[in-house]
N, C-alpha and C. Protein backbone atom coordinates (compact mmCIF):
# COMPACT_ATOMS: atom_id res chain seq x y z
N MET A 1 63.82 41.98 85.76
CA MET A 1 63.52 42.67 84.58
C MET A 1 62.52 41.78 83.74
N ILE A 2 61.66 42.50 82.99
CA ILE A 2 60.80 41.83 82.03
C ILE A 2 61.00 42.55 80.69
N TYR A 3 60.61 41.88 79.64
CA TYR A 3 60.77 42.44 78.29
C TYR A 3 59.44 42.37 77.62
N GLU A 4 58.98 43.49 77.11
CA GLU A 4 57.74 43.58 76.38
C GLU A 4 58.07 43.52 74.88
N VAL A 5 57.54 42.43 74.23
CA VAL A 5 57.73 42.26 72.85
C VAL A 5 56.49 42.73 72.13
N ARG A 6 56.59 43.71 71.27
CA ARG A 6 55.49 44.30 70.57
C ARG A 6 55.60 43.95 69.12
N ASN A 7 54.58 43.34 68.54
CA ASN A 7 54.54 42.99 67.11
C ASN A 7 53.35 43.70 66.48
N TYR A 8 53.67 44.26 65.34
CA TYR A 8 52.60 44.99 64.57
C TYR A 8 52.52 44.39 63.20
N HIS A 9 51.32 44.27 62.67
CA HIS A 9 50.97 43.94 61.32
C HIS A 9 50.48 45.23 60.72
N PHE A 10 51.37 45.90 60.04
CA PHE A 10 51.02 47.21 59.43
C PHE A 10 50.70 46.99 57.98
N LYS A 11 49.76 47.74 57.42
CA LYS A 11 49.30 47.63 56.07
C LYS A 11 50.55 47.63 55.15
N PRO A 12 50.68 46.54 54.34
CA PRO A 12 51.83 46.44 53.46
C PRO A 12 51.97 47.59 52.46
N GLU A 13 50.84 48.10 51.99
CA GLU A 13 50.89 49.18 51.00
C GLU A 13 51.34 50.51 51.61
N ARG A 14 51.41 50.63 52.95
CA ARG A 14 51.86 51.82 53.59
C ARG A 14 53.18 51.61 54.38
N PHE A 15 53.73 50.38 54.19
CA PHE A 15 54.88 49.97 55.00
C PHE A 15 56.12 50.83 54.77
N GLU A 16 56.47 51.18 53.58
CA GLU A 16 57.63 52.04 53.35
C GLU A 16 57.46 53.41 53.98
N GLU A 17 56.26 53.98 53.87
CA GLU A 17 55.96 55.26 54.52
C GLU A 17 56.10 55.11 56.04
N TYR A 18 55.63 53.97 56.57
CA TYR A 18 55.70 53.73 58.05
C TYR A 18 57.15 53.72 58.48
N LYS A 19 58.05 53.08 57.74
CA LYS A 19 59.42 53.01 58.14
C LYS A 19 60.04 54.41 58.20
N VAL A 20 59.71 55.25 57.24
CA VAL A 20 60.21 56.65 57.25
C VAL A 20 59.66 57.36 58.55
N TRP A 21 58.34 57.25 58.74
CA TRP A 21 57.74 57.89 59.96
C TRP A 21 58.40 57.37 61.20
N ALA A 22 58.64 56.04 61.29
CA ALA A 22 59.20 55.48 62.53
C ALA A 22 60.65 56.05 62.75
N LYS A 23 61.44 56.05 61.69
CA LYS A 23 62.81 56.54 61.84
C LYS A 23 62.88 58.01 62.21
N GLU A 24 62.08 58.76 61.46
CA GLU A 24 62.18 60.27 61.63
C GLU A 24 61.41 60.82 62.80
N LYS A 25 60.30 60.19 63.15
CA LYS A 25 59.40 60.80 64.16
C LYS A 25 59.26 59.96 65.44
N ALA A 26 58.90 58.69 65.27
CA ALA A 26 58.60 57.88 66.42
C ALA A 26 59.82 57.45 67.24
N LEU A 27 60.86 57.00 66.53
CA LEU A 27 61.98 56.42 67.26
C LEU A 27 62.77 57.38 68.10
N PRO A 28 62.95 58.63 67.73
CA PRO A 28 63.66 59.56 68.61
C PRO A 28 62.90 59.70 69.94
N TYR A 29 61.59 59.76 69.89
CA TYR A 29 60.79 59.88 71.14
C TYR A 29 60.84 58.57 71.91
N LEU A 30 60.60 57.41 71.25
CA LEU A 30 60.55 56.14 71.94
C LEU A 30 61.87 55.82 72.57
N ASP A 31 62.94 56.10 71.88
CA ASP A 31 64.30 55.80 72.38
C ASP A 31 64.60 56.69 73.61
N ARG A 32 64.11 57.86 73.63
CA ARG A 32 64.32 58.75 74.76
C ARG A 32 63.48 58.39 75.98
N GLU A 33 62.26 58.01 75.71
CA GLU A 33 61.27 57.78 76.84
C GLU A 33 61.27 56.34 77.38
N LEU A 34 61.81 55.40 76.61
CA LEU A 34 61.73 53.96 76.97
C LEU A 34 63.12 53.33 77.07
N ASP A 35 63.24 52.22 77.72
CA ASP A 35 64.45 51.43 77.65
C ASP A 35 64.27 50.51 76.46
N LEU A 36 64.41 51.06 75.26
CA LEU A 36 64.18 50.40 74.02
C LEU A 36 65.36 49.51 73.64
N ILE A 37 65.11 48.22 73.60
CA ILE A 37 66.12 47.27 73.24
C ILE A 37 66.41 47.28 71.72
N GLY A 38 65.33 47.36 70.97
CA GLY A 38 65.50 47.38 69.52
C GLY A 38 64.15 47.56 68.84
N PHE A 39 64.21 47.97 67.61
CA PHE A 39 63.05 48.23 66.79
C PHE A 39 63.32 47.72 65.38
N TRP A 40 62.59 46.72 64.89
CA TRP A 40 62.93 46.08 63.67
C TRP A 40 61.78 46.14 62.65
N ALA A 41 62.12 46.29 61.36
CA ALA A 41 61.18 46.15 60.27
C ALA A 41 61.54 44.98 59.45
N SER A 42 60.57 44.20 59.02
CA SER A 42 60.81 43.03 58.24
C SER A 42 61.41 43.39 56.86
N THR A 43 62.22 42.51 56.35
CA THR A 43 62.79 42.66 55.06
C THR A 43 61.85 41.97 54.04
N SER A 44 62.15 42.04 52.78
CA SER A 44 61.33 41.42 51.77
C SER A 44 61.55 39.91 51.66
N ASP A 45 62.53 39.40 52.43
CA ASP A 45 62.78 37.96 52.40
C ASP A 45 61.56 37.18 52.89
N GLU A 46 61.37 35.99 52.33
CA GLU A 46 60.21 35.20 52.66
C GLU A 46 60.33 34.67 54.10
N THR A 47 59.17 34.62 54.79
CA THR A 47 59.12 34.13 56.16
C THR A 47 59.14 32.58 56.11
N SER A 48 59.91 32.02 57.03
CA SER A 48 59.89 30.57 57.12
C SER A 48 58.98 30.15 58.27
N VAL A 49 58.11 29.20 58.02
CA VAL A 49 57.13 28.72 59.04
C VAL A 49 57.22 27.21 59.16
N THR A 50 57.32 26.75 60.38
CA THR A 50 57.28 25.33 60.69
C THR A 50 56.07 25.12 61.64
N GLY A 51 55.35 24.09 61.41
CA GLY A 51 54.20 23.82 62.27
C GLY A 51 52.94 24.39 61.66
N ALA A 52 52.00 24.79 62.50
CA ALA A 52 50.75 25.30 62.03
C ALA A 52 50.88 26.51 61.17
N ALA A 53 50.03 26.62 60.17
CA ALA A 53 50.09 27.74 59.20
C ALA A 53 49.68 29.02 59.90
N MET A 54 50.24 30.12 59.41
CA MET A 54 49.87 31.44 59.86
C MET A 54 48.47 31.81 59.34
N ASP A 55 47.86 32.78 59.95
CA ASP A 55 46.59 33.29 59.44
C ASP A 55 46.81 34.18 58.25
N SER A 56 45.79 34.78 57.72
CA SER A 56 45.89 35.53 56.49
C SER A 56 46.77 36.76 56.57
N LEU A 57 47.00 37.28 57.78
CA LEU A 57 47.92 38.47 57.89
C LEU A 57 49.39 38.09 57.74
N GLY A 58 49.75 36.85 57.95
CA GLY A 58 51.08 36.45 57.87
C GLY A 58 51.83 36.82 59.14
N SER A 59 53.14 36.96 59.02
CA SER A 59 53.96 37.34 60.18
C SER A 59 53.93 38.87 60.37
N ALA A 60 54.19 39.31 61.58
CA ALA A 60 54.24 40.75 61.86
C ALA A 60 55.39 41.39 61.06
N ASN A 61 55.20 42.59 60.63
CA ASN A 61 56.23 43.29 59.88
C ASN A 61 57.01 44.34 60.69
N ILE A 62 56.58 44.57 61.90
CA ILE A 62 57.32 45.46 62.80
C ILE A 62 57.40 44.78 64.15
N THR A 63 58.54 44.79 64.76
CA THR A 63 58.78 44.20 66.12
C THR A 63 59.66 45.12 66.87
N TRP A 64 59.30 45.40 68.12
CA TRP A 64 60.18 46.15 69.00
C TRP A 64 60.06 45.57 70.40
N ILE A 65 61.16 45.81 71.17
CA ILE A 65 61.23 45.22 72.49
C ILE A 65 61.64 46.34 73.48
N ILE A 66 60.91 46.37 74.57
CA ILE A 66 61.15 47.31 75.63
C ILE A 66 61.51 46.57 76.96
N ARG A 67 62.53 47.02 77.63
CA ARG A 67 62.86 46.43 78.92
C ARG A 67 62.21 47.28 80.03
N TRP A 68 61.61 46.59 80.95
CA TRP A 68 60.98 47.21 82.13
C TRP A 68 61.49 46.57 83.41
N PRO A 69 61.53 47.29 84.52
CA PRO A 69 61.91 46.65 85.77
C PRO A 69 60.94 45.56 86.17
N ASP A 70 59.62 45.80 85.92
CA ASP A 70 58.54 44.82 86.25
C ASP A 70 57.26 45.31 85.58
N LYS A 71 56.29 44.46 85.61
CA LYS A 71 54.96 44.81 84.99
C LYS A 71 54.32 46.00 85.61
N LYS A 72 54.45 46.08 86.91
CA LYS A 72 53.85 47.21 87.63
C LYS A 72 54.42 48.56 87.14
N SER A 73 55.69 48.63 87.00
CA SER A 73 56.35 49.82 86.47
C SER A 73 55.88 50.20 85.07
N ARG A 74 55.78 49.12 84.24
CA ARG A 74 55.25 49.32 82.92
C ARG A 74 53.86 49.99 82.90
N ASP A 75 52.99 49.33 83.69
CA ASP A 75 51.61 49.81 83.72
C ASP A 75 51.51 51.21 84.27
N GLU A 76 52.37 51.58 85.22
CA GLU A 76 52.37 52.95 85.80
C GLU A 76 52.86 53.94 84.79
N GLN A 77 53.81 53.62 83.93
CA GLN A 77 54.39 54.59 83.03
C GLN A 77 53.75 54.65 81.66
N TRP A 78 53.07 53.63 81.24
CA TRP A 78 52.52 53.49 79.89
C TRP A 78 51.68 54.74 79.47
N ASP A 79 50.65 55.02 80.24
CA ASP A 79 49.75 56.07 79.90
C ASP A 79 50.45 57.46 79.81
N GLY A 80 51.40 57.71 80.69
CA GLY A 80 52.12 58.96 80.65
C GLY A 80 52.98 59.09 79.34
N ILE A 81 53.55 58.00 78.92
CA ILE A 81 54.42 58.01 77.77
C ILE A 81 53.53 58.13 76.44
N PHE A 82 52.52 57.25 76.36
CA PHE A 82 51.74 57.21 75.14
C PHE A 82 50.46 58.07 75.20
N GLY A 83 50.26 58.77 76.30
CA GLY A 83 49.15 59.72 76.37
C GLY A 83 49.66 61.11 76.41
N SER A 84 50.94 61.35 76.21
CA SER A 84 51.56 62.68 76.28
C SER A 84 51.16 63.48 75.00
N PRO A 85 51.13 64.80 75.13
CA PRO A 85 50.90 65.68 73.95
C PRO A 85 51.95 65.46 72.87
N GLU A 86 53.20 65.19 73.32
CA GLU A 86 54.27 65.01 72.34
C GLU A 86 54.03 63.73 71.51
N TRP A 87 53.62 62.61 72.15
CA TRP A 87 53.35 61.40 71.43
C TRP A 87 52.12 61.56 70.51
N SER A 88 51.11 62.26 71.04
CA SER A 88 49.93 62.51 70.22
C SER A 88 50.25 63.21 68.96
N ALA A 89 51.11 64.25 69.06
CA ALA A 89 51.56 64.96 67.85
C ALA A 89 52.31 64.11 66.87
N ILE A 90 53.15 63.22 67.40
CA ILE A 90 53.92 62.26 66.56
C ILE A 90 52.93 61.27 65.94
N PHE A 91 52.08 60.65 66.71
CA PHE A 91 51.19 59.58 66.21
C PHE A 91 50.17 60.10 65.21
N LYS A 92 49.80 61.33 65.23
CA LYS A 92 48.84 61.83 64.25
C LYS A 92 49.33 61.75 62.83
N ASP A 93 50.68 61.64 62.67
CA ASP A 93 51.29 61.54 61.34
C ASP A 93 51.57 60.07 60.90
N VAL A 94 51.15 59.10 61.68
CA VAL A 94 51.40 57.72 61.23
C VAL A 94 50.64 57.51 59.89
N PRO A 95 51.28 56.94 58.92
CA PRO A 95 50.64 56.77 57.57
C PRO A 95 49.35 55.96 57.69
N GLY A 96 48.26 56.61 57.25
CA GLY A 96 46.95 55.93 57.29
C GLY A 96 46.27 55.87 58.65
N GLY A 97 46.90 56.44 59.65
CA GLY A 97 46.33 56.47 60.99
C GLY A 97 46.24 55.08 61.63
N LEU A 98 45.46 55.04 62.72
CA LEU A 98 45.31 53.77 63.42
C LEU A 98 44.75 52.61 62.57
N ALA A 99 43.98 52.91 61.56
CA ALA A 99 43.41 51.89 60.69
C ALA A 99 44.51 51.12 59.91
N SER A 100 45.71 51.68 59.81
CA SER A 100 46.79 50.98 59.13
C SER A 100 47.38 49.86 59.98
N TYR A 101 47.07 49.83 61.22
CA TYR A 101 47.57 48.72 62.07
C TYR A 101 46.50 47.62 62.02
N LEU A 102 46.86 46.53 61.27
CA LEU A 102 45.94 45.42 61.11
C LEU A 102 45.86 44.52 62.34
N ARG A 103 46.94 44.53 63.06
CA ARG A 103 46.96 43.79 64.33
C ARG A 103 48.12 44.32 65.15
N MET A 104 47.88 44.43 66.45
CA MET A 104 48.90 44.80 67.41
C MET A 104 48.96 43.71 68.47
N GLU A 105 50.17 43.20 68.72
CA GLU A 105 50.35 42.20 69.76
C GLU A 105 51.39 42.66 70.79
N SER A 106 51.15 42.32 72.00
CA SER A 106 52.13 42.63 73.07
C SER A 106 52.19 41.44 73.99
N LYS A 107 53.40 41.02 74.29
CA LYS A 107 53.55 39.97 75.30
C LYS A 107 54.75 40.26 76.15
N PHE A 108 54.74 39.68 77.33
CA PHE A 108 55.75 39.94 78.33
C PHE A 108 56.62 38.69 78.51
N THR A 109 57.92 38.88 78.50
CA THR A 109 58.83 37.77 78.53
C THR A 109 59.83 37.99 79.63
N GLU A 110 60.50 36.88 80.02
CA GLU A 110 61.58 36.96 81.01
C GLU A 110 62.80 36.32 80.36
N ALA A 111 63.94 36.79 80.71
CA ALA A 111 65.19 36.28 80.15
C ALA A 111 65.48 34.94 80.85
N LEU A 112 65.81 33.91 80.10
CA LEU A 112 66.28 32.66 80.62
C LEU A 112 67.79 32.46 80.56
N LEU A 113 68.42 33.31 79.87
CA LEU A 113 69.90 33.31 79.77
C LEU A 113 70.46 34.65 80.17
């Protein structure tokens, strides 16, 4: 198994709207179509940083994790899930559209424990 960790830097001024959109529209679809481990929104608590300073965007305010059998399976399924008419209808309502995503990050991890 591999785990895809997705971090988003969403416009802070649209963040509360985003959380409503995520809960009401995106998550029912994502939870049904993916092996979704979790989906988290940052709280207003201050981020703690040790080491090199973050860039001007700060830390991501949305994080979600998907479990996949392997990277090949992920690549084969991704376009079908996120290119579907159902997802397109859901995504058209994201607050502020694609421009509200200041940064999107995706990395693949393996469990060590």
